Amino acid sequence: MIIREYTQKDIENLIQIWNEVVEEGAAFPQEECLDIGMGTAFFASQSYTGVAEEDGKILGLYILHPNNVGRCGHICNASYAVSSRMRGRHIGEKLVLDSLKKGRELGFRVLQFNAVVESNLHARHLYERLGFTQLGVLPGGFRRKDGRYENICPNYHEL
């Protein structure tokens, strides 16, 4: 498996994987799925969009961009999506590690996750194992697809 920068030929696969996570309604804050026009603009607007590829097949992706502007523009944010058919193969871990490296290369000093859903135990354990620090808990900070509210656990990692 390699992780590389996305190209235009990847857009449809990226949209499919991204929308799968959005439709699950358990991790991403977005509620609206991407169509081809929105997806093309969305992925192009990132500081970096990385894809995990194996034998020509896209397994997952991440986006990396500033978390804020101006005096806080040195802090980046990332989101990760792995195809449901490929989960359990440590692809997410490889994407996170690559994003830490890419964030440093792009001049960011901190990677911050704003909305790690408390019940997303696989992600939370991964972030802890990779040296992220949890900033606290925001009660009811995430509205699940079924309308229930769940805590979020912001995390950061110095680059």
N, C-alpha and C. Protein backbone atom coordinates (compact mmCIF):
# COMPACT_ATOMS: atom_id res chain seq x y z
N MET A 1 0.84 -1.18 0.00
CA MET A 1 0.00 0.00 0.00
C MET A 1 0.88 1.24 0.00
N ILE A 2 0.47 2.21 -0.78
CA ILE A 2 1.16 3.50 -0.80
C ILE A 2 0.16 4.60 -0.42
N ILE A 3 0.70 5.68 0.10
CA ILE A 3 -0.10 6.87 0.34
C ILE A 3 0.50 7.97 -0.52
N ARG A 4 -0.35 8.60 -1.30
CA ARG A 4 0.11 9.59 -2.27
C ARG A 4 -0.90 10.72 -2.34
N GLU A 5 -0.53 11.79 -3.02
CA GLU A 5 -1.45 12.89 -3.24
C GLU A 5 -2.52 12.47 -4.26
N TYR A 6 -3.73 12.92 -4.04
CA TYR A 6 -4.81 12.57 -4.96
C TYR A 6 -4.59 13.23 -6.32
N THR A 7 -5.24 12.66 -7.32
CA THR A 7 -5.29 13.26 -8.66
C THR A 7 -6.75 13.33 -9.08
N GLN A 8 -7.03 14.03 -10.16
CA GLN A 8 -8.40 14.16 -10.65
C GLN A 8 -9.04 12.81 -10.94
N LYS A 9 -8.25 11.84 -11.35
CA LYS A 9 -8.82 10.53 -11.67
C LYS A 9 -9.35 9.80 -10.43
N ASP A 10 -8.96 10.28 -9.22
CA ASP A 10 -9.40 9.66 -7.97
C ASP A 10 -10.73 10.19 -7.46
N ILE A 11 -11.20 11.30 -8.01
CA ILE A 11 -12.32 12.05 -7.42
C ILE A 11 -13.54 11.17 -7.15
N GLU A 12 -13.98 10.39 -8.11
CA GLU A 12 -15.19 9.59 -7.89
C GLU A 12 -15.03 8.61 -6.74
N ASN A 13 -13.86 7.98 -6.64
CA ASN A 13 -13.61 7.05 -5.53
C ASN A 13 -13.56 7.78 -4.19
N LEU A 14 -12.93 8.96 -4.17
CA LEU A 14 -12.86 9.74 -2.94
C LEU A 14 -14.25 10.14 -2.48
N ILE A 15 -15.07 10.59 -3.41
CA ILE A 15 -16.44 10.99 -3.08
C ILE A 15 -17.21 9.81 -2.51
N GLN A 16 -17.07 8.65 -3.12
CA GLN A 16 -17.79 7.47 -2.66
C GLN A 16 -17.40 7.12 -1.22
N ILE A 17 -16.11 7.11 -0.92
CA ILE A 17 -15.65 6.76 0.43
C ILE A 17 -16.06 7.84 1.42
N TRP A 18 -15.89 9.11 1.06
CA TRP A 18 -16.27 10.22 1.93
C TRP A 18 -17.77 10.16 2.26
N ASN A 19 -18.58 9.98 1.22
CA ASN A 19 -20.03 9.95 1.41
C ASN A 19 -20.47 8.77 2.27
N GLU A 20 -19.76 7.67 2.18
CA GLU A 20 -20.09 6.51 3.02
C GLU A 20 -19.99 6.90 4.50
N VAL A 21 -18.95 7.62 4.87
CA VAL A 21 -18.78 8.04 6.27
C VAL A 21 -19.84 9.07 6.64
N VAL A 22 -20.10 10.01 5.74
CA VAL A 22 -21.14 11.01 6.00
C VAL A 22 -22.49 10.32 6.23
N GLU A 23 -22.83 9.38 5.38
CA GLU A 23 -24.13 8.69 5.48
C GLU A 23 -24.23 7.86 6.75
N GLU A 24 -23.11 7.32 7.25
CA GLU A 24 -23.13 6.56 8.50
C GLU A 24 -23.57 7.46 9.66
N GLY A 25 -23.22 8.73 9.59
CA GLY A 25 -23.68 9.69 10.58
C GLY A 25 -23.11 9.52 11.97
N ALA A 26 -21.93 8.91 12.08
CA ALA A 26 -21.37 8.61 13.40
C ALA A 26 -20.01 9.26 13.64
N ALA A 27 -19.44 9.96 12.65
CA ALA A 27 -18.09 10.48 12.84
C ALA A 27 -17.88 11.88 12.25
N PHE A 28 -18.34 12.13 11.05
CA PHE A 28 -18.12 13.42 10.41
C PHE A 28 -19.23 14.41 10.76
N PRO A 29 -18.91 15.69 10.90
CA PRO A 29 -19.96 16.67 11.17
C PRO A 29 -20.83 16.97 9.94
N GLN A 30 -20.34 16.71 8.75
CA GLN A 30 -21.10 17.00 7.54
C GLN A 30 -22.37 16.15 7.49
N GLU A 31 -23.43 16.74 6.96
CA GLU A 31 -24.69 16.01 6.77
C GLU A 31 -25.01 15.82 5.29
N GLU A 32 -24.42 16.66 4.45
CA GLU A 32 -24.70 16.63 3.02
C GLU A 32 -23.62 15.84 2.29
N CYS A 33 -24.05 14.91 1.46
CA CYS A 33 -23.11 14.15 0.64
C CYS A 33 -22.58 15.02 -0.49
N LEU A 34 -21.42 14.67 -0.97
CA LEU A 34 -20.78 15.38 -2.06
C LEU A 34 -21.25 14.82 -3.40
N ASP A 35 -21.50 15.71 -4.35
CA ASP A 35 -21.68 15.27 -5.73
C ASP A 35 -20.37 15.55 -6.46
N ILE A 36 -20.29 15.29 -7.73
CA ILE A 36 -19.02 15.41 -8.44
C ILE A 36 -18.49 16.85 -8.42
N GLY A 37 -19.34 17.82 -8.60
CA GLY A 37 -18.90 19.22 -8.58
C GLY A 37 -18.44 19.65 -7.20
N MET A 38 -19.24 19.35 -6.19
CA MET A 38 -18.87 19.70 -4.82
C MET A 38 -17.60 18.97 -4.39
N GLY A 39 -17.52 17.68 -4.74
CA GLY A 39 -16.36 16.89 -4.35
C GLY A 39 -15.08 17.38 -5.01
N THR A 40 -15.16 17.72 -6.28
CA THR A 40 -13.99 18.25 -6.98
C THR A 40 -13.49 19.52 -6.31
N ALA A 41 -14.41 20.43 -6.00
CA ALA A 41 -14.03 21.68 -5.34
C ALA A 41 -13.53 21.43 -3.92
N PHE A 42 -14.19 20.54 -3.20
CA PHE A 42 -13.84 20.25 -1.80
C PHE A 42 -12.41 19.71 -1.69
N PHE A 43 -12.09 18.69 -2.45
CA PHE A 43 -10.76 18.08 -2.34
C PHE A 43 -9.68 19.02 -2.86
N ALA A 44 -9.99 19.82 -3.87
CA ALA A 44 -9.02 20.79 -4.39
C ALA A 44 -8.76 21.92 -3.40
N SER A 45 -9.71 22.21 -2.53
CA SER A 45 -9.56 23.32 -1.59
C SER A 45 -8.70 22.98 -0.37
N GLN A 46 -8.34 21.73 -0.20
CA GLN A 46 -7.54 21.32 0.95
C GLN A 46 -6.08 21.69 0.76
N SER A 47 -5.36 21.84 1.86
CA SER A 47 -3.91 22.01 1.76
C SER A 47 -3.28 20.76 1.17
N TYR A 48 -3.87 19.61 1.49
CA TYR A 48 -3.38 18.35 0.96
C TYR A 48 -4.50 17.32 1.08
N THR A 49 -4.66 16.51 0.05
CA THR A 49 -5.56 15.36 0.09
C THR A 49 -4.71 14.15 -0.24
N GLY A 50 -4.62 13.24 0.71
CA GLY A 50 -3.85 12.03 0.52
C GLY A 50 -4.75 10.83 0.33
N VAL A 51 -4.30 9.88 -0.47
CA VAL A 51 -5.06 8.65 -0.70
C VAL A 51 -4.19 7.44 -0.41
N ALA A 52 -4.82 6.45 0.20
CA ALA A 52 -4.19 5.14 0.39
C ALA A 52 -4.61 4.28 -0.78
N GLU A 53 -3.63 3.75 -1.49
CA GLU A 53 -3.89 2.98 -2.71
C GLU A 53 -3.13 1.66 -2.64
N GLU A 54 -3.79 0.62 -3.12
CA GLU A 54 -3.15 -0.69 -3.21
C GLU A 54 -3.63 -1.36 -4.49
N ASP A 55 -2.70 -1.75 -5.31
CA ASP A 55 -3.03 -2.42 -6.58
C ASP A 55 -4.04 -1.62 -7.41
N GLY A 56 -3.86 -0.29 -7.41
CA GLY A 56 -4.71 0.59 -8.19
C GLY A 56 -6.07 0.88 -7.58
N LYS A 57 -6.33 0.38 -6.39
CA LYS A 57 -7.62 0.58 -5.72
C LYS A 57 -7.46 1.55 -4.56
N ILE A 58 -8.37 2.53 -4.48
CA ILE A 58 -8.35 3.51 -3.40
C ILE A 58 -9.01 2.87 -2.17
N LEU A 59 -8.26 2.82 -1.06
CA LEU A 59 -8.74 2.19 0.17
C LEU A 59 -9.26 3.22 1.18
N GLY A 60 -8.67 4.41 1.13
CA GLY A 60 -9.04 5.45 2.08
C GLY A 60 -8.39 6.76 1.70
N LEU A 61 -8.65 7.78 2.49
CA LEU A 61 -8.14 9.12 2.19
C LEU A 61 -8.05 9.95 3.45
N TYR A 62 -7.33 11.06 3.33
CA TYR A 62 -7.39 12.08 4.37
C TYR A 62 -7.30 13.45 3.72
N ILE A 63 -7.88 14.41 4.43
CA ILE A 63 -7.76 15.81 4.04
C ILE A 63 -7.02 16.54 5.15
N LEU A 64 -6.23 17.53 4.77
CA LEU A 64 -5.44 18.32 5.72
C LEU A 64 -5.57 19.78 5.32
N HIS A 65 -5.86 20.63 6.30
CA HIS A 65 -6.07 22.05 6.02
C HIS A 65 -5.89 22.85 7.32
N PRO A 66 -5.75 24.17 7.22
CA PRO A 66 -5.64 24.97 8.44
C PRO A 66 -6.90 24.82 9.29
N ASN A 67 -6.69 24.79 10.59
CA ASN A 67 -7.82 24.71 11.52
C ASN A 67 -8.40 26.10 11.78
N ASN A 68 -7.59 27.12 11.53
CA ASN A 68 -8.01 28.49 11.78
C ASN A 68 -7.22 29.39 10.85
N VAL A 69 -7.27 30.69 11.07
CA VAL A 69 -6.60 31.66 10.20
C VAL A 69 -5.64 32.51 11.02
N GLY A 70 -4.87 33.31 10.32
CA GLY A 70 -4.03 34.33 10.94
C GLY A 70 -3.10 33.77 12.01
N ARG A 71 -3.20 34.31 13.19
CA ARG A 71 -2.30 33.95 14.29
C ARG A 71 -2.46 32.51 14.77
N CYS A 72 -3.50 31.86 14.30
CA CYS A 72 -3.71 30.44 14.63
C CYS A 72 -3.59 29.56 13.39
N GLY A 73 -3.12 30.14 12.28
CA GLY A 73 -3.02 29.41 11.03
C GLY A 73 -1.96 28.33 11.00
N HIS A 74 -1.13 28.26 12.03
CA HIS A 74 -0.09 27.22 12.09
C HIS A 74 -0.62 25.91 12.67
N ILE A 75 -1.92 25.90 13.03
CA ILE A 75 -2.56 24.69 13.53
C ILE A 75 -3.39 24.11 12.38
N CYS A 76 -3.19 22.83 12.11
CA CYS A 76 -3.95 22.20 11.03
C CYS A 76 -4.98 21.24 11.61
N ASN A 77 -5.86 20.80 10.75
CA ASN A 77 -6.92 19.87 11.08
C ASN A 77 -6.94 18.82 9.98
N ALA A 78 -7.37 17.63 10.32
CA ALA A 78 -7.45 16.57 9.32
C ALA A 78 -8.68 15.72 9.56
N SER A 79 -9.14 15.08 8.52
CA SER A 79 -10.22 14.10 8.59
C SER A 79 -9.79 12.89 7.78
N TYR A 80 -10.24 11.73 8.22
CA TYR A 80 -9.83 10.46 7.62
C TYR A 80 -11.06 9.64 7.27
N ALA A 81 -11.01 8.97 6.14
CA ALA A 81 -12.11 8.09 5.73
C ALA A 81 -11.50 6.84 5.09
N VAL A 82 -11.96 5.69 5.57
CA VAL A 82 -11.52 4.41 5.02
C VAL A 82 -12.77 3.67 4.55
N SER A 83 -12.69 3.10 3.37
CA SER A 83 -13.79 2.31 2.84
C SER A 83 -14.20 1.24 3.85
N SER A 84 -15.49 1.08 4.06
CA SER A 84 -15.97 0.10 5.04
C SER A 84 -15.48 -1.31 4.72
N ARG A 85 -15.25 -1.59 3.45
CA ARG A 85 -14.77 -2.92 3.06
C ARG A 85 -13.30 -3.14 3.40
N MET A 86 -12.61 -2.06 3.75
CA MET A 86 -11.17 -2.15 4.01
C MET A 86 -10.81 -1.89 5.47
N ARG A 87 -11.78 -1.66 6.30
CA ARG A 87 -11.50 -1.35 7.70
C ARG A 87 -10.94 -2.56 8.42
N GLY A 88 -10.14 -2.30 9.45
CA GLY A 88 -9.50 -3.36 10.22
C GLY A 88 -8.13 -3.74 9.69
N ARG A 89 -7.63 -3.03 8.70
CA ARG A 89 -6.32 -3.32 8.11
C ARG A 89 -5.27 -2.28 8.48
N HIS A 90 -5.55 -1.44 9.45
CA HIS A 90 -4.64 -0.39 9.94
C HIS A 90 -4.35 0.68 8.89
N ILE A 91 -5.29 0.84 7.96
CA ILE A 91 -5.15 1.88 6.95
C ILE A 91 -5.27 3.25 7.59
N GLY A 92 -6.21 3.39 8.52
CA GLY A 92 -6.37 4.66 9.23
C GLY A 92 -5.09 5.09 9.93
N GLU A 93 -4.42 4.15 10.56
CA GLU A 93 -3.16 4.47 11.23
C GLU A 93 -2.12 5.00 10.24
N LYS A 94 -2.03 4.36 9.10
CA LYS A 94 -1.07 4.81 8.09
C LYS A 94 -1.43 6.20 7.57
N LEU A 95 -2.73 6.47 7.42
CA LEU A 95 -3.17 7.79 6.99
C LEU A 95 -2.83 8.85 8.03
N VAL A 96 -3.07 8.56 9.30
CA VAL A 96 -2.76 9.51 10.36
C VAL A 96 -1.25 9.79 10.39
N LEU A 97 -0.45 8.75 10.34
CA LEU A 97 1.01 8.95 10.36
C LEU A 97 1.47 9.79 9.18
N ASP A 98 0.90 9.53 8.01
CA ASP A 98 1.27 10.32 6.84
C ASP A 98 0.84 11.78 7.00
N SER A 99 -0.33 12.00 7.60
CA SER A 99 -0.80 13.38 7.79
C SER A 99 0.08 14.14 8.77
N LEU A 100 0.61 13.47 9.78
CA LEU A 100 1.54 14.13 10.71
C LEU A 100 2.80 14.58 9.97
N LYS A 101 3.31 13.70 9.12
CA LYS A 101 4.50 14.04 8.33
C LYS A 101 4.21 15.16 7.34
N LYS A 102 3.08 15.06 6.64
CA LYS A 102 2.72 16.06 5.64
C LYS A 102 2.44 17.41 6.31
N GLY A 103 1.81 17.40 7.46
CA GLY A 103 1.56 18.64 8.19
C GLY A 103 2.85 19.37 8.51
N ARG A 104 3.86 18.62 8.98
CA ARG A 104 5.18 19.21 9.25
C ARG A 104 5.78 19.79 7.97
N GLU A 105 5.71 19.01 6.88
CA GLU A 105 6.27 19.45 5.60
C GLU A 105 5.62 20.75 5.12
N LEU A 106 4.34 20.92 5.40
CA LEU A 106 3.61 22.10 4.97
C LEU A 106 3.77 23.29 5.93
N GLY A 107 4.54 23.09 6.99
CA GLY A 107 4.83 24.19 7.90
C GLY A 107 3.89 24.34 9.08
N PHE A 108 2.99 23.41 9.26
CA PHE A 108 2.11 23.46 10.42
C PHE A 108 2.90 23.03 11.66
N ARG A 109 2.47 23.48 12.82
CA ARG A 109 3.15 23.16 14.07
C ARG A 109 2.35 22.23 14.96
N VAL A 110 1.04 22.16 14.75
CA VAL A 110 0.15 21.35 15.58
C VAL A 110 -0.95 20.78 14.67
N LEU A 111 -1.32 19.53 14.92
CA LEU A 111 -2.49 18.93 14.29
C LEU A 111 -3.55 18.80 15.37
N GLN A 112 -4.71 19.41 15.13
CA GLN A 112 -5.79 19.39 16.12
C GLN A 112 -7.03 18.75 15.51
N PHE A 113 -7.64 17.86 16.28
CA PHE A 113 -8.92 17.28 15.90
C PHE A 113 -9.98 17.94 16.76
N ASN A 114 -10.95 18.57 16.14
CA ASN A 114 -11.97 19.32 16.87
C ASN A 114 -13.09 18.44 17.41
N ALA A 115 -13.40 17.37 16.72
CA ALA A 115 -14.64 16.65 17.03
C ALA A 115 -14.47 15.13 16.95
N VAL A 116 -13.64 14.57 17.81
CA VAL A 116 -13.52 13.11 17.88
C VAL A 116 -14.70 12.62 18.72
N VAL A 117 -15.58 11.86 18.10
CA VAL A 117 -16.77 11.39 18.78
C VAL A 117 -16.37 10.37 19.86
N GLU A 118 -16.93 10.57 21.05
CA GLU A 118 -16.52 9.76 22.21
C GLU A 118 -16.66 8.26 21.97
N SER A 119 -17.70 7.83 21.27
CA SER A 119 -17.90 6.39 21.05
C SER A 119 -17.00 5.82 19.94
N ASN A 120 -16.24 6.66 19.26
CA ASN A 120 -15.34 6.19 18.20
C ASN A 120 -14.05 5.68 18.86
N LEU A 121 -14.19 4.55 19.55
CA LEU A 121 -13.10 4.03 20.38
C LEU A 121 -11.87 3.65 19.57
N HIS A 122 -12.07 3.11 18.37
CA HIS A 122 -10.91 2.73 17.55
C HIS A 122 -10.05 3.96 17.26
N ALA A 123 -10.69 5.05 16.86
CA ALA A 123 -9.94 6.28 16.56
C ALA A 123 -9.30 6.83 17.83
N ARG A 124 -10.04 6.86 18.92
CA ARG A 124 -9.50 7.43 20.16
C ARG A 124 -8.29 6.65 20.66
N HIS A 125 -8.37 5.31 20.59
CA HIS A 125 -7.22 4.50 21.01
C HIS A 125 -6.03 4.69 20.08
N LEU A 126 -6.29 4.80 18.79
CA LEU A 126 -5.23 5.05 17.82
C LEU A 126 -4.54 6.38 18.14
N TYR A 127 -5.32 7.43 18.32
CA TYR A 127 -4.73 8.74 18.59
C TYR A 127 -3.91 8.72 19.87
N GLU A 128 -4.40 8.05 20.88
CA GLU A 128 -3.65 7.96 22.15
C GLU A 128 -2.33 7.21 21.92
N ARG A 129 -2.40 6.10 21.18
CA ARG A 129 -1.19 5.31 20.91
C ARG A 129 -0.16 6.11 20.11
N LEU A 130 -0.63 7.02 19.25
CA LEU A 130 0.27 7.81 18.41
C LEU A 130 0.75 9.09 19.09
N GLY A 131 0.38 9.29 20.35
CA GLY A 131 0.90 10.42 21.10
C GLY A 131 0.05 11.67 21.09
N PHE A 132 -1.20 11.57 20.66
CA PHE A 132 -2.11 12.71 20.74
C PHE A 132 -2.50 12.95 22.20
N THR A 133 -2.82 14.18 22.51
CA THR A 133 -3.29 14.55 23.83
C THR A 133 -4.75 14.98 23.73
N GLN A 134 -5.59 14.40 24.57
CA GLN A 134 -7.00 14.81 24.60
C GLN A 134 -7.12 16.10 25.40
N LEU A 135 -7.82 17.07 24.85
CA LEU A 135 -7.96 18.38 25.47
C LEU A 135 -9.08 18.44 26.50
N GLY A 136 -9.98 17.50 26.48
CA GLY A 136 -11.13 17.51 27.38
C GLY A 136 -12.30 16.86 26.70
N VAL A 137 -13.50 17.21 27.17
CA VAL A 137 -14.73 16.66 26.62
C VAL A 137 -15.72 17.80 26.45
N LEU A 138 -16.34 17.86 25.28
CA LEU A 138 -17.43 18.81 25.05
C LEU A 138 -18.74 18.04 25.12
N PRO A 139 -19.50 18.24 26.19
CA PRO A 139 -20.74 17.47 26.37
C PRO A 139 -21.72 17.74 25.23
N GLY A 140 -22.21 16.66 24.64
CA GLY A 140 -23.23 16.77 23.60
C GLY A 140 -22.79 17.53 22.37
N GLY A 141 -21.49 17.53 22.08
CA GLY A 141 -20.97 18.31 20.96
C GLY A 141 -21.22 17.74 19.58
N PHE A 142 -21.71 16.51 19.50
CA PHE A 142 -21.94 15.86 18.21
C PHE A 142 -23.37 15.35 18.16
N ARG A 143 -24.09 15.70 17.10
CA ARG A 143 -25.45 15.19 16.90
C ARG A 143 -25.39 14.03 15.92
N ARG A 144 -25.72 12.86 16.44
CA ARG A 144 -25.70 11.65 15.61
C ARG A 144 -26.83 11.68 14.60
N LYS A 145 -26.75 10.82 13.63
CA LYS A 145 -27.75 10.75 12.55
C LYS A 145 -29.15 10.50 13.11
N ASP A 146 -29.22 9.75 14.22
CA ASP A 146 -30.53 9.44 14.81
C ASP A 146 -31.04 10.55 15.73
N GLY A 147 -30.29 11.66 15.82
CA GLY A 147 -30.72 12.80 16.62
C GLY A 147 -30.19 12.83 18.04
N ARG A 148 -29.60 11.74 18.52
CA ARG A 148 -29.01 11.73 19.86
C ARG A 148 -27.74 12.57 19.87
N TYR A 149 -27.45 13.17 21.01
CA TYR A 149 -26.23 13.95 21.17
C TYR A 149 -25.20 13.13 21.92
N GLU A 150 -23.96 13.29 21.50
CA GLU A 150 -22.87 12.53 22.09
C GLU A 150 -21.70 13.48 22.34
N ASN A 151 -20.90 13.16 23.33
CA ASN A 151 -19.73 13.97 23.65
C ASN A 151 -18.68 13.88 22.56
N ILE A 152 -17.91 14.95 22.42
CA ILE A 152 -16.74 14.91 21.56
C ILE A 152 -15.50 15.19 22.40
N CYS A 153 -14.38 14.66 21.93
CA CYS A 153 -13.11 14.71 22.66
C CYS A 153 -12.04 15.31 21.76
N PRO A 154 -11.86 16.62 21.78
CA PRO A 154 -10.81 17.24 20.95
C PRO A 154 -9.43 16.71 21.34
N ASN A 155 -8.58 16.56 20.35
CA ASN A 155 -7.22 16.05 20.54
C ASN A 155 -6.24 16.91 19.76
N TYR A 156 -4.96 16.87 20.17
CA TYR A 156 -3.93 17.56 19.39
C TYR A 156 -2.63 16.77 19.45
N HIS A 157 -1.77 17.05 18.49
CA HIS A 157 -0.43 16.46 18.43
C HIS A 157 0.52 17.53 17.90
N GLU A 158 1.58 17.79 18.65
CA GLU A 158 2.58 18.75 18.17
C GLU A 158 3.37 18.12 17.02
N LEU A 159 3.61 18.92 16.01
CA LEU A 159 4.35 18.44 14.85
C LEU A 159 5.81 18.85 14.95
